[in-house]
């Protein structure tokens, strides 16, 4: 199982990086490979490559704003493998977010 994600909050500071950490820690606990791109006050960090997105079983979008490069995820959107939620919601319950992403991957 491989999950990729994007985290971006309105101010691009705390919640962006807290959401990234929450996804990464929950995936690590479960032995799930993951990579999370952040789009915050420092610009895009840990940018996802096209092949990383293509290889992913599911995508978690923890975003409260529009993101750069959203078109990279069109194929996953068409496959119904994108979970979109507010970063604060993900931070409150990362286990539920990862559970939902896994369910999307298994459809």
N, C-alpha and C. Protein backbone atom coordinates (compact mmCIF):
# COMPACT_ATOMS: atom_id res chain seq x y z
N UNK A 1 0.86 -1.18 0.00
CA UNK A 1 0.00 0.00 0.00
C UNK A 1 0.89 1.23 0.00
N UNK A 2 0.54 2.17 -0.85
CA UNK A 2 1.28 3.43 -0.90
C UNK A 2 0.29 4.59 -0.96
N UNK A 3 0.48 5.55 -0.07
CA UNK A 3 -0.37 6.74 -0.02
C UNK A 3 0.51 7.97 -0.22
N UNK A 4 0.04 8.88 -1.05
CA UNK A 4 0.68 10.19 -1.17
C UNK A 4 -0.33 11.23 -0.74
N UNK A 5 0.18 12.41 -0.41
CA UNK A 5 -0.72 13.45 0.03
C UNK A 5 -0.18 14.84 -0.23
N UNK A 6 -1.08 15.79 -0.08
CA UNK A 6 -0.72 17.20 -0.14
C UNK A 6 -1.36 17.87 1.06
N UNK A 7 -0.58 18.69 1.76
CA UNK A 7 -1.09 19.44 2.91
C UNK A 7 -0.91 20.93 2.62
N UNK A 8 -2.00 21.68 2.79
CA UNK A 8 -1.94 23.13 2.56
C UNK A 8 -3.07 23.79 3.34
N UNK A 9 -2.71 24.71 4.24
CA UNK A 9 -3.73 25.44 5.00
C UNK A 9 -3.75 26.90 4.54
N UNK A 10 -4.68 27.64 5.05
CA UNK A 10 -4.89 29.02 4.60
C UNK A 10 -3.65 29.88 4.84
N UNK A 11 -3.05 29.80 6.02
CA UNK A 11 -1.88 30.63 6.30
C UNK A 11 -0.58 29.97 5.87
N UNK A 12 -0.63 28.68 5.61
CA UNK A 12 0.55 27.97 5.13
C UNK A 12 1.62 27.74 6.18
N UNK A 13 1.19 27.71 7.43
CA UNK A 13 2.19 27.51 8.48
C UNK A 13 1.82 26.27 9.30
N UNK A 14 1.28 26.44 10.47
CA UNK A 14 1.13 25.35 11.43
C UNK A 14 0.34 24.15 10.91
N UNK A 15 -0.89 24.35 10.47
CA UNK A 15 -1.73 23.21 10.10
C UNK A 15 -1.18 22.44 8.90
N UNK A 16 -0.50 23.14 8.00
CA UNK A 16 0.10 22.45 6.84
C UNK A 16 1.06 21.38 7.33
N UNK A 17 1.96 21.76 8.21
CA UNK A 17 3.00 20.83 8.65
C UNK A 17 2.49 19.83 9.69
N UNK A 18 1.50 20.24 10.47
CA UNK A 18 0.88 19.31 11.41
C UNK A 18 0.13 18.21 10.66
N UNK A 19 -0.54 18.56 9.57
CA UNK A 19 -1.25 17.56 8.76
C UNK A 19 -0.26 16.61 8.11
N UNK A 20 0.83 17.15 7.59
CA UNK A 20 1.87 16.30 6.99
C UNK A 20 2.37 15.29 8.01
N UNK A 21 2.70 15.77 9.18
CA UNK A 21 3.23 14.89 10.23
C UNK A 21 2.20 13.84 10.65
N UNK A 22 0.93 14.24 10.76
CA UNK A 22 -0.12 13.31 11.17
C UNK A 22 -0.27 12.17 10.16
N UNK A 23 -0.26 12.51 8.86
CA UNK A 23 -0.37 11.47 7.83
C UNK A 23 0.84 10.54 7.90
N UNK A 24 2.02 11.12 7.94
CA UNK A 24 3.24 10.31 7.95
C UNK A 24 3.31 9.39 9.16
N UNK A 25 2.97 9.90 10.34
CA UNK A 25 3.04 9.07 11.55
C UNK A 25 2.02 7.94 11.51
N UNK A 26 0.81 8.24 11.04
CA UNK A 26 -0.22 7.19 10.99
C UNK A 26 0.16 6.11 9.98
N UNK A 27 0.68 6.51 8.84
CA UNK A 27 1.11 5.52 7.85
C UNK A 27 2.28 4.69 8.38
N UNK A 28 3.22 5.33 9.05
CA UNK A 28 4.37 4.61 9.60
C UNK A 28 3.91 3.55 10.61
N UNK A 29 2.94 3.91 11.46
CA UNK A 29 2.41 2.95 12.44
C UNK A 29 1.86 1.71 11.77
N UNK A 30 1.30 1.90 10.57
CA UNK A 30 0.64 0.79 9.86
C UNK A 30 1.54 0.12 8.83
N UNK A 31 2.75 0.61 8.68
CA UNK A 31 3.66 0.04 7.69
C UNK A 31 3.28 0.40 6.26
N UNK A 32 2.64 1.54 6.10
CA UNK A 32 2.23 2.00 4.78
C UNK A 32 3.26 3.01 4.28
N UNK A 33 3.71 2.80 3.05
CA UNK A 33 4.64 3.74 2.44
C UNK A 33 3.88 5.04 2.13
N UNK A 34 4.49 6.18 2.43
CA UNK A 34 3.81 7.43 2.13
C UNK A 34 4.79 8.57 1.89
N UNK A 35 4.30 9.56 1.19
CA UNK A 35 5.04 10.80 0.97
C UNK A 35 4.03 11.92 0.93
N UNK A 36 4.31 13.01 1.64
CA UNK A 36 3.37 14.12 1.71
C UNK A 36 4.07 15.41 1.27
N UNK A 37 3.51 16.02 0.26
CA UNK A 37 3.98 17.32 -0.23
C UNK A 37 3.32 18.41 0.60
N UNK A 38 4.08 19.44 0.94
CA UNK A 38 3.48 20.58 1.63
C UNK A 38 3.53 21.79 0.71
N UNK A 39 2.45 22.57 0.76
CA UNK A 39 2.39 23.83 0.06
C UNK A 39 2.06 24.88 1.10
N UNK A 40 3.12 25.44 1.67
CA UNK A 40 2.94 26.37 2.78
C UNK A 40 3.64 27.68 2.54
N UNK A 41 3.91 28.35 3.62
CA UNK A 41 4.55 29.65 3.57
C UNK A 41 5.93 29.63 2.94
N UNK A 42 6.56 28.47 2.90
CA UNK A 42 7.90 28.33 2.31
C UNK A 42 7.81 27.80 0.88
N UNK A 43 6.61 27.82 0.29
CA UNK A 43 6.44 27.29 -1.06
C UNK A 43 6.19 25.79 -1.03
N UNK A 44 6.45 25.15 -2.15
CA UNK A 44 6.24 23.70 -2.24
C UNK A 44 7.49 23.00 -1.72
N UNK A 45 7.27 22.09 -0.78
CA UNK A 45 8.36 21.29 -0.24
C UNK A 45 7.99 19.82 -0.37
N UNK A 46 9.02 18.98 -0.55
CA UNK A 46 8.81 17.53 -0.67
C UNK A 46 7.89 17.23 -1.85
N UNK A 47 8.12 17.94 -2.95
CA UNK A 47 7.21 17.87 -4.11
C UNK A 47 7.06 16.45 -4.64
N UNK A 48 5.81 16.07 -4.90
CA UNK A 48 5.51 14.76 -5.45
C UNK A 48 5.82 14.73 -6.94
N UNK A 49 6.50 13.69 -7.37
CA UNK A 49 6.80 13.50 -8.79
C UNK A 49 5.63 12.76 -9.44
N UNK A 50 5.53 12.91 -10.74
CA UNK A 50 4.43 12.27 -11.50
C UNK A 50 4.39 10.76 -11.24
N UNK A 51 5.55 10.09 -11.24
CA UNK A 51 5.56 8.64 -11.05
C UNK A 51 5.14 8.25 -9.63
N UNK A 52 5.44 9.08 -8.64
CA UNK A 52 5.02 8.80 -7.26
C UNK A 52 3.50 8.87 -7.15
N UNK A 53 2.91 9.82 -7.83
CA UNK A 53 1.45 9.95 -7.83
C UNK A 53 0.83 8.77 -8.56
N UNK A 54 1.39 8.42 -9.71
CA UNK A 54 0.86 7.30 -10.50
C UNK A 54 0.93 5.98 -9.74
N UNK A 55 2.00 5.79 -8.97
CA UNK A 55 2.19 4.53 -8.22
C UNK A 55 1.37 4.45 -6.95
N UNK A 56 0.81 5.56 -6.51
CA UNK A 56 0.07 5.58 -5.25
C UNK A 56 -1.27 4.86 -5.37
N UNK A 57 -1.65 4.19 -4.28
CA UNK A 57 -2.95 3.53 -4.23
C UNK A 57 -4.06 4.53 -3.89
N UNK A 58 -3.69 5.59 -3.16
CA UNK A 58 -4.67 6.62 -2.79
C UNK A 58 -3.93 7.92 -2.51
N UNK A 59 -4.71 9.01 -2.57
CA UNK A 59 -4.17 10.35 -2.32
C UNK A 59 -5.00 11.00 -1.22
N UNK A 60 -4.32 11.58 -0.25
CA UNK A 60 -5.01 12.36 0.79
C UNK A 60 -4.69 13.83 0.54
N UNK A 61 -5.73 14.61 0.28
CA UNK A 61 -5.60 16.05 0.11
C UNK A 61 -6.08 16.72 1.39
N UNK A 62 -5.15 17.13 2.23
CA UNK A 62 -5.48 17.85 3.45
C UNK A 62 -5.29 19.33 3.13
N UNK A 63 -6.29 19.90 2.46
CA UNK A 63 -6.15 21.25 1.93
C UNK A 63 -7.33 22.13 2.30
N UNK A 64 -7.02 23.39 2.58
CA UNK A 64 -8.05 24.38 2.87
C UNK A 64 -8.02 25.51 1.84
N UNK A 65 -7.13 25.37 0.86
CA UNK A 65 -6.98 26.36 -0.20
C UNK A 65 -6.73 25.63 -1.52
N UNK A 66 -6.77 26.35 -2.62
CA UNK A 66 -6.39 25.77 -3.89
C UNK A 66 -4.89 25.49 -3.88
N UNK A 67 -4.48 24.46 -4.57
CA UNK A 67 -3.06 24.09 -4.57
C UNK A 67 -2.47 24.25 -5.97
N UNK A 68 -1.17 24.40 -6.01
CA UNK A 68 -0.46 24.44 -7.28
C UNK A 68 -0.31 23.02 -7.81
N UNK A 69 -0.43 22.87 -9.12
CA UNK A 69 -0.21 21.57 -9.74
C UNK A 69 -1.32 20.56 -9.50
N UNK A 70 -2.52 21.05 -9.28
CA UNK A 70 -3.65 20.15 -9.00
C UNK A 70 -3.91 19.20 -10.17
N UNK A 71 -3.58 19.64 -11.39
CA UNK A 71 -3.80 18.80 -12.57
C UNK A 71 -2.99 17.50 -12.52
N UNK A 72 -1.96 17.44 -11.71
CA UNK A 72 -1.17 16.21 -11.57
C UNK A 72 -2.00 15.05 -11.03
N UNK A 73 -3.11 15.38 -10.39
CA UNK A 73 -3.91 14.35 -9.70
C UNK A 73 -5.18 13.96 -10.47
N UNK A 74 -5.32 14.45 -11.71
CA UNK A 74 -6.55 14.20 -12.48
C UNK A 74 -6.86 12.72 -12.63
N UNK A 75 -5.85 11.92 -12.93
CA UNK A 75 -6.08 10.48 -13.13
C UNK A 75 -6.59 9.82 -11.84
N UNK A 76 -6.00 10.17 -10.71
CA UNK A 76 -6.45 9.60 -9.43
C UNK A 76 -7.88 10.07 -9.11
N UNK A 77 -8.19 11.31 -9.47
CA UNK A 77 -9.55 11.84 -9.27
C UNK A 77 -10.55 11.03 -10.09
N UNK A 78 -10.21 10.76 -11.35
CA UNK A 78 -11.09 9.96 -12.22
C UNK A 78 -11.28 8.55 -11.68
N UNK A 79 -10.26 8.02 -11.03
CA UNK A 79 -10.33 6.67 -10.45
C UNK A 79 -11.07 6.67 -9.11
N UNK A 80 -11.40 7.85 -8.59
CA UNK A 80 -12.07 7.93 -7.29
C UNK A 80 -11.17 7.59 -6.12
N UNK A 81 -9.88 7.90 -6.26
CA UNK A 81 -8.90 7.53 -5.22
C UNK A 81 -8.33 8.73 -4.48
N UNK A 82 -9.10 9.82 -4.43
CA UNK A 82 -8.65 11.00 -3.70
C UNK A 82 -9.60 11.28 -2.55
N UNK A 83 -9.03 11.40 -1.37
CA UNK A 83 -9.76 11.82 -0.18
C UNK A 83 -9.38 13.26 0.08
N UNK A 84 -10.38 14.16 0.07
CA UNK A 84 -10.12 15.58 0.32
C UNK A 84 -10.76 15.96 1.64
N UNK A 85 -9.98 16.61 2.49
CA UNK A 85 -10.50 17.04 3.79
C UNK A 85 -9.72 18.25 4.28
N UNK A 86 -10.29 18.92 5.25
CA UNK A 86 -9.65 20.07 5.86
C UNK A 86 -8.47 19.60 6.71
N UNK A 87 -7.35 20.32 6.68
CA UNK A 87 -6.20 19.90 7.49
C UNK A 87 -6.53 19.72 8.97
N UNK A 88 -7.34 20.61 9.53
CA UNK A 88 -7.65 20.49 10.96
C UNK A 88 -8.45 19.21 11.26
N UNK A 89 -9.30 18.81 10.34
CA UNK A 89 -10.06 17.57 10.49
C UNK A 89 -9.11 16.37 10.48
N UNK A 90 -8.15 16.40 9.58
CA UNK A 90 -7.17 15.31 9.50
C UNK A 90 -6.32 15.25 10.77
N UNK A 91 -5.90 16.41 11.26
CA UNK A 91 -5.07 16.47 12.46
C UNK A 91 -5.81 15.87 13.66
N UNK A 92 -7.12 16.13 13.75
CA UNK A 92 -7.93 15.59 14.87
C UNK A 92 -8.02 14.07 14.84
N UNK A 93 -8.09 13.49 13.63
CA UNK A 93 -8.29 12.04 13.55
C UNK A 93 -7.57 11.46 12.33
N UNK A 94 -6.25 11.40 12.38
CA UNK A 94 -5.51 10.87 11.23
C UNK A 94 -5.82 9.40 10.94
N UNK A 95 -6.16 8.63 11.96
CA UNK A 95 -6.47 7.21 11.74
C UNK A 95 -7.70 7.07 10.84
N UNK A 96 -8.72 7.89 11.08
CA UNK A 96 -9.93 7.83 10.25
C UNK A 96 -9.62 8.24 8.82
N UNK A 97 -8.74 9.23 8.64
CA UNK A 97 -8.37 9.67 7.29
C UNK A 97 -7.66 8.55 6.54
N UNK A 98 -6.71 7.90 7.20
CA UNK A 98 -5.98 6.81 6.55
C UNK A 98 -6.91 5.63 6.28
N UNK A 99 -7.84 5.34 7.20
CA UNK A 99 -8.83 4.28 6.97
C UNK A 99 -9.65 4.58 5.71
N UNK A 100 -10.08 5.82 5.55
CA UNK A 100 -10.86 6.21 4.37
C UNK A 100 -10.03 6.10 3.09
N UNK A 101 -8.77 6.49 3.16
CA UNK A 101 -7.88 6.38 1.99
C UNK A 101 -7.68 4.93 1.59
N UNK A 102 -7.51 4.07 2.58
CA UNK A 102 -7.36 2.63 2.30
C UNK A 102 -8.61 2.09 1.65
N UNK A 103 -9.77 2.49 2.16
CA UNK A 103 -11.05 2.05 1.57
C UNK A 103 -11.17 2.48 0.12
N UNK A 104 -10.74 3.71 -0.18
CA UNK A 104 -10.78 4.19 -1.58
C UNK A 104 -9.85 3.33 -2.46
N UNK A 105 -8.71 2.98 -1.94
CA UNK A 105 -7.75 2.18 -2.70
C UNK A 105 -8.26 0.77 -2.98
N UNK A 106 -9.14 0.28 -2.12
CA UNK A 106 -9.61 -1.09 -2.27
C UNK A 106 -10.93 -1.20 -3.04
N UNK A 107 -11.41 -0.09 -3.55
CA UNK A 107 -12.68 -0.13 -4.30
C UNK A 107 -12.48 -0.82 -5.63
